[in-house]
């Protein structure tokens, strides 16, 4: 099985690219982020015509996540749980449960908050969201089932995951607090798929639209797939579809996918 994640940066702007990529890559499950569409306005027909079941958790003009699957959904859960008395209306999290063979597989498409500017409420919201994700993940890991957390984490884990670490000093994506929260999540027992299979330099998943970042290969790696021990045992490969960044009207992110032995 091929399970992929891709921040598409708007389904309306990137619809044709999404269709072209689905035809080319043929993922079994695709996790999309930043769809920027309410559920009822999401263009479903061409995706469903390719054989995909589709579930979205949308928001007008911002955020939004989706799961596309050639397998039927056994269960769908929208929204990261909040603490008592809190509220969060940002559409950043959707979980699907599937049957693979005779076992369940849980796959999450997540779009973690950016957190900039760091001197505003946006950075505490990012860290709070990460703490909630860790608490949720701890509970899910207790089920001892295959679980994949896939998405745009808006976290650069290590200096080698960006072209110029000095350029990112102080940015919410590279702040020590963000990186520590990411490591804390990993330390629950997750395997970070790409770095488990390669330490190749200049392995990026995002290139800004500004300052010729793509042409200069001035990229960062912020799109990750984290696998529970039960899922990591079935990991057989990882790849980055870097070529999609050169397409006409591209997303600033590219797809990342794992091969999962069903």
Foldseek 3Di string as FASTA:
>chain_A
DKEKEWAFQACVLCVVVVLVCCVVVVGQKYKYKFNQDPPVPRPCDSLVVVQWDKDWQHDHRTIIMIMTHNFDFPDKDWDQDDDPPDDDNHGFKMWTWGADPNFIAIEMEGDQQLCPPVPDVSVVVRLRVLVSVLVVVLVVVVVVGKYKYWYQSLAQQDPQQFPHVVVCVNGSNYDPSSNVSVVSSVVSAWDWQPVVPDPDGLPAFFADPPDCRVVVSGGGHGTTMIIHPNFVVFWDDKDWPVCQCVDPSGDRGTMIMTDGHD
